[in-house]
Protein backbone atom coordinates (compact mmCIF):
# COMPACT_ATOMS: atom_id res chain seq x y z
CA UNK A 1 41.85 -16.77 -22.13
CA UNK A 2 40.16 -15.02 -18.99
CA UNK A 3 38.14 -17.79 -17.14
CA UNK A 4 34.71 -17.41 -18.02
CA UNK A 5 32.05 -16.93 -15.04
CA UNK A 6 29.26 -19.53 -15.11
CA UNK A 7 27.77 -18.51 -11.82
CA UNK A 8 24.60 -17.77 -13.76
CA UNK A 9 24.03 -21.11 -15.05
CA UNK A 10 23.77 -22.50 -10.89
CA UNK A 11 20.96 -19.70 -10.47
CA UNK A 12 17.17 -20.51 -10.52
CA UNK A 13 16.54 -16.54 -10.95
CA UNK A 14 15.10 -15.81 -14.93
CA UNK A 15 16.89 -12.33 -14.97
CA UNK A 16 19.84 -13.50 -13.72
CA UNK A 17 20.69 -16.18 -16.33
CA UNK A 18 18.98 -13.55 -19.11
CA UNK A 19 21.41 -10.94 -17.89
CA UNK A 20 24.06 -13.83 -18.29
CA UNK A 21 23.43 -15.17 -21.58
CA UNK A 22 22.84 -11.68 -22.90
CA UNK A 23 25.83 -10.69 -21.66
CA UNK A 24 28.04 -13.74 -22.94
CA UNK A 25 26.43 -12.69 -26.72
CA UNK A 26 27.33 -9.08 -26.42
CA UNK A 27 31.09 -10.34 -25.55
CA UNK A 28 31.34 -9.57 -22.35
CA UNK A 29 31.24 -13.62 -21.14
CA UNK A 30 32.27 -14.85 -24.25
CA UNK A 31 31.22 -18.86 -23.50
CA UNK A 32 29.21 -21.00 -26.15
CA UNK A 33 28.69 -23.84 -23.09
CA UNK A 34 27.57 -21.35 -20.95
CA UNK A 35 24.89 -19.81 -23.05
CA UNK A 36 23.87 -23.35 -23.95
CA UNK A 37 23.38 -24.05 -20.47
CA UNK A 38 21.73 -21.16 -19.64
CA UNK A 39 18.96 -21.49 -22.42
CA UNK A 40 18.43 -25.03 -21.60
CA UNK A 41 17.89 -23.82 -17.92
CA UNK A 42 15.22 -21.71 -19.11
CA UNK A 43 13.82 -23.74 -21.32
CA UNK A 44 13.47 -27.02 -18.91
CA UNK A 45 12.36 -24.79 -15.83
CA UNK A 46 9.98 -22.33 -18.44
CA UNK A 47 11.92 -19.65 -16.77
CA UNK A 48 10.81 -17.74 -20.20
CA UNK A 49 7.43 -16.86 -18.02
CA UNK A 50 9.23 -15.19 -15.71
CA UNK A 51 10.47 -12.77 -18.02
CA UNK A 52 6.68 -12.20 -19.48
CA UNK A 53 7.11 -15.06 -22.44
CA UNK A 54 4.31 -17.29 -23.03
CA UNK A 55 6.48 -19.51 -24.78
CA UNK A 56 10.42 -20.44 -25.35
CA UNK A 57 9.72 -19.30 -29.27
CA UNK A 58 8.50 -15.96 -28.15
CA UNK A 59 11.75 -15.66 -25.62
CA UNK A 60 14.74 -16.88 -28.47
CA UNK A 61 12.78 -14.37 -31.09
CA UNK A 62 13.30 -11.43 -28.45
CA UNK A 63 16.39 -12.69 -27.43
CA UNK A 64 17.61 -12.72 -31.23
CA UNK A 65 15.82 -9.16 -31.90
CA UNK A 66 17.86 -7.52 -28.94
CA UNK A 67 21.09 -9.08 -29.73
CA UNK A 68 21.16 -8.58 -33.53
CA UNK A 69 21.91 -12.75 -33.08
CA UNK A 70 20.41 -15.06 -35.71
CA UNK A 71 17.65 -17.63 -34.56
CA UNK A 72 19.41 -20.86 -35.81
CA UNK A 73 22.34 -19.76 -34.06
CA UNK A 74 20.42 -19.54 -30.56
CA UNK A 75 19.36 -22.67 -31.00
CA UNK A 76 22.65 -24.45 -31.79
CA UNK A 77 23.85 -22.82 -28.56
CA UNK A 78 20.27 -24.42 -26.77
CA UNK A 79 21.02 -27.81 -28.57
CA UNK A 80 24.34 -28.01 -26.91
CA UNK A 81 23.04 -27.04 -23.42
CA UNK A 82 20.66 -29.89 -23.66
CA UNK A 83 23.33 -32.38 -24.88
CA UNK A 84 25.86 -31.26 -22.23
CA UNK A 85 23.38 -31.62 -19.66
CA UNK A 86 22.16 -35.16 -20.73
CA UNK A 87 25.50 -36.93 -21.32
CA UNK A 88 26.85 -34.61 -18.54
CA UNK A 89 28.34 -37.44 -16.60
CA UNK A 90 30.10 -39.09 -19.40
CA UNK A 91 31.60 -36.27 -20.75
CA UNK A 92 32.85 -35.57 -17.25
CA UNK A 93 34.57 -39.35 -16.97
CA UNK A 94 36.25 -38.98 -20.45
CA UNK A 95 37.68 -35.13 -19.10
CA UNK A 96 35.86 -33.23 -22.28
CA UNK A 97 36.18 -29.56 -21.70
CA UNK A 98 34.75 -26.08 -23.21
CA UNK A 99 38.26 -25.90 -24.89
CA UNK A 100 37.79 -29.63 -26.65
CA UNK A 101 35.07 -28.27 -28.73
CA UNK A 102 31.12 -27.68 -27.53
CA UNK A 103 29.87 -27.08 -31.02
CA UNK A 104 30.46 -30.98 -31.56
CA UNK A 105 27.66 -31.71 -28.53
CA UNK A 106 24.49 -31.37 -31.12
CA UNK A 107 26.14 -34.08 -33.22
CA UNK A 108 26.39 -36.62 -30.01
CA UNK A 109 23.31 -38.41 -29.99
CA UNK A 110 23.55 -38.67 -33.65
CA UNK A 111 26.42 -40.42 -33.45
CA UNK A 112 25.58 -42.84 -30.42
CA UNK A 113 22.73 -43.79 -32.37
CA UNK A 114 25.61 -45.55 -35.22
CA UNK A 115 28.36 -45.58 -33.19
CA UNK A 116 30.19 -47.51 -30.07
CA UNK A 117 29.74 -45.56 -27.09
CA UNK A 118 33.00 -45.79 -25.94
CA UNK A 119 34.24 -45.00 -29.58
CA UNK A 120 32.20 -41.55 -29.55
CA UNK A 121 33.50 -40.25 -26.33
CA UNK A 122 37.03 -40.74 -27.33
CA UNK A 123 36.01 -39.06 -30.62
CA UNK A 124 34.36 -36.18 -29.93
CA UNK A 125 37.26 -35.09 -27.54
CA UNK A 126 40.36 -35.73 -30.50
CA UNK A 127 38.17 -34.85 -33.59
CA UNK A 128 38.18 -31.19 -34.65
CA UNK A 129 34.09 -30.34 -35.53
CA UNK A 130 34.09 -31.32 -39.22
CA UNK A 131 35.37 -34.86 -38.42
CA UNK A 132 33.01 -35.53 -35.61
CA UNK A 133 30.15 -34.62 -38.07
CA UNK A 134 31.36 -37.00 -40.91
CA UNK A 135 31.91 -39.66 -38.10
CA UNK A 136 28.43 -39.29 -36.70
CA UNK A 137 27.07 -40.01 -39.80
CA UNK A 138 28.22 -43.45 -39.14
CA UNK A 139 30.81 -46.24 -41.83
CA UNK A 140 30.44 -45.50 -45.52
CA UNK A 141 30.80 -49.09 -46.87
CA UNK A 142 28.97 -50.00 -49.78
CA UNK A 143 25.74 -51.99 -49.67
CA UNK A 144 26.39 -55.89 -50.44
CA UNK A 145 23.71 -58.44 -51.15
CA UNK A 146 23.41 -59.34 -47.55
CA UNK A 147 22.60 -55.64 -47.08
CA UNK A 148 19.63 -55.54 -44.69
CA UNK A 149 17.00 -53.52 -46.80
CA UNK A 150 15.93 -51.61 -43.42
CA UNK A 151 18.01 -50.71 -40.22
CA UNK A 152 16.62 -48.48 -37.87
CA UNK A 153 19.58 -47.48 -35.19
CA UNK A 154 17.88 -45.03 -32.64
CA UNK A 155 16.28 -42.59 -34.86
CA UNK A 156 18.34 -43.14 -38.11
CA UNK A 157 17.15 -45.01 -40.88
CA UNK A 158 19.13 -46.43 -43.34
CA UNK A 159 18.18 -47.95 -46.39
CA UNK A 160 20.12 -50.68 -47.96
CA UNK A 161 23.33 -49.53 -45.94
CA UNK A 162 22.81 -45.79 -46.88
CA UNK A 163 21.62 -43.01 -44.10
CA UNK A 164 18.01 -42.12 -45.66
CA UNK A 165 16.57 -40.60 -42.93
CA UNK A 166 16.73 -38.84 -39.48
CA UNK A 167 13.69 -38.49 -37.21
CA UNK A 168 14.49 -35.74 -34.87
CA UNK A 169 14.42 -36.02 -31.03
CA UNK A 170 12.88 -33.29 -30.02
CA UNK A 171 9.09 -34.34 -30.93
CA UNK A 172 8.77 -36.30 -28.28
CA UNK A 173 9.40 -40.40 -27.90
CA UNK A 174 5.66 -41.02 -29.01
CA UNK A 175 5.59 -39.12 -31.88
CA UNK A 176 9.55 -40.24 -32.85
CA UNK A 177 8.33 -44.30 -32.15
CA UNK A 178 4.94 -43.32 -34.38
CA UNK A 179 7.62 -42.15 -37.28
CA UNK A 180 9.34 -45.08 -37.00
CA UNK A 181 7.05 -47.23 -37.21
CA UNK A 182 5.05 -45.87 -39.73
CA UNK A 183 8.86 -45.73 -42.27
CA UNK A 184 9.32 -49.15 -41.31
CA UNK A 185 6.17 -50.55 -42.66
CA UNK A 186 6.53 -48.20 -45.87
CA UNK A 187 10.37 -49.42 -46.50
CA UNK A 188 8.70 -52.93 -46.05
CA UNK A 189 6.20 -52.43 -48.59
CA UNK A 190 9.26 -51.13 -50.94
CA UNK A 191 11.52 -53.91 -50.16
CA UNK A 192 8.56 -56.54 -51.52
CA UNK A 193 7.45 -54.80 -54.28
CA UNK A 194 3.97 -54.10 -52.19
CA UNK A 195 2.19 -51.23 -51.26
CA UNK A 196 0.96 -49.49 -48.91
CA UNK A 197 -2.62 -47.70 -48.04
CA UNK A 198 -2.52 -45.04 -45.98
CA UNK A 199 -5.96 -44.25 -43.58
CA UNK A 200 -6.48 -41.95 -41.38
CA UNK A 201 -8.81 -42.98 -37.92
CA UNK A 202 -10.47 -40.97 -35.40
CA UNK A 203 -9.67 -42.94 -32.45
CA UNK A 204 -8.83 -46.37 -31.12
CA UNK A 205 -12.08 -47.92 -31.07
CA UNK A 206 -12.30 -46.65 -34.63
CA UNK A 207 -9.34 -48.33 -35.08
CA UNK A 208 -10.23 -51.88 -33.80
CA UNK A 209 -13.66 -51.87 -36.09
CA UNK A 210 -10.83 -50.81 -38.87
CA UNK A 211 -8.93 -54.13 -38.10
CA UNK A 212 -11.98 -56.51 -38.08
CA UNK A 213 -13.41 -55.23 -40.97
CA UNK A 214 -9.79 -55.46 -43.04
CA UNK A 215 -8.82 -59.06 -41.26
CA UNK A 216 -12.38 -60.37 -43.40
CA UNK A 217 -11.22 -58.07 -46.63
CA UNK A 218 -8.39 -59.70 -46.65
CA UNK A 219 -9.15 -62.69 -46.00
CA UNK A 220 -11.81 -62.17 -48.89
CA UNK A 221 -8.96 -61.25 -51.33
CA UNK A 222 -6.27 -63.35 -50.83
CA UNK A 223 -8.54 -66.19 -51.20
CA UNK A 224 -10.00 -64.87 -54.72
CA UNK A 225 -6.06 -64.67 -55.86
CA UNK A 226 -5.74 -68.81 -54.66
CA UNK A 227 -8.51 -69.43 -56.70
CA UNK A 228 -7.14 -67.56 -59.93
């Protein structure tokens, strides 16, 4: 197998990275990892603008059309590149190389949310893609009476020990935290047989005013319940 030339990955020139990605897709430099790293740099440095595109989506759409490659495949390569960059030091420390299977990388963060770090980085080298996907889902133990109703590990929500929701880490830390907070409250309500009442508030000031009114109303409601 020919050694893949990764020189374009180290470039900051948009045209050179773009050409490297296209050559790779067309089979001149067949390397999933190099394509992923190139795409990750195009997005992280907003180099798509130098190519005349307003967004990464526009760039991917054109790349998909020009190379007759499905967008989902290109985004999967992008995820591979971003995962490799984020965990590069740990991967290099464990001796991970392209021959160990870069297609496992999109499942790395999910595995880290439910498994021990050392176990994850050892497994990503030694497991097949199918094995690592199953491994990244966590243990499949049957829930017991002592199993907490809700457990949140990273961005994964478990209900009675079963994986129920995965909140994408691509939407930003602030939004992820917000969604997990809403999910936690909803699950607590389910666990205790309660109800939740979603209310849209336009700003922080309105929220503070609502809290004061809510506290007064709830005090009155619970007072009436005690009387009954």
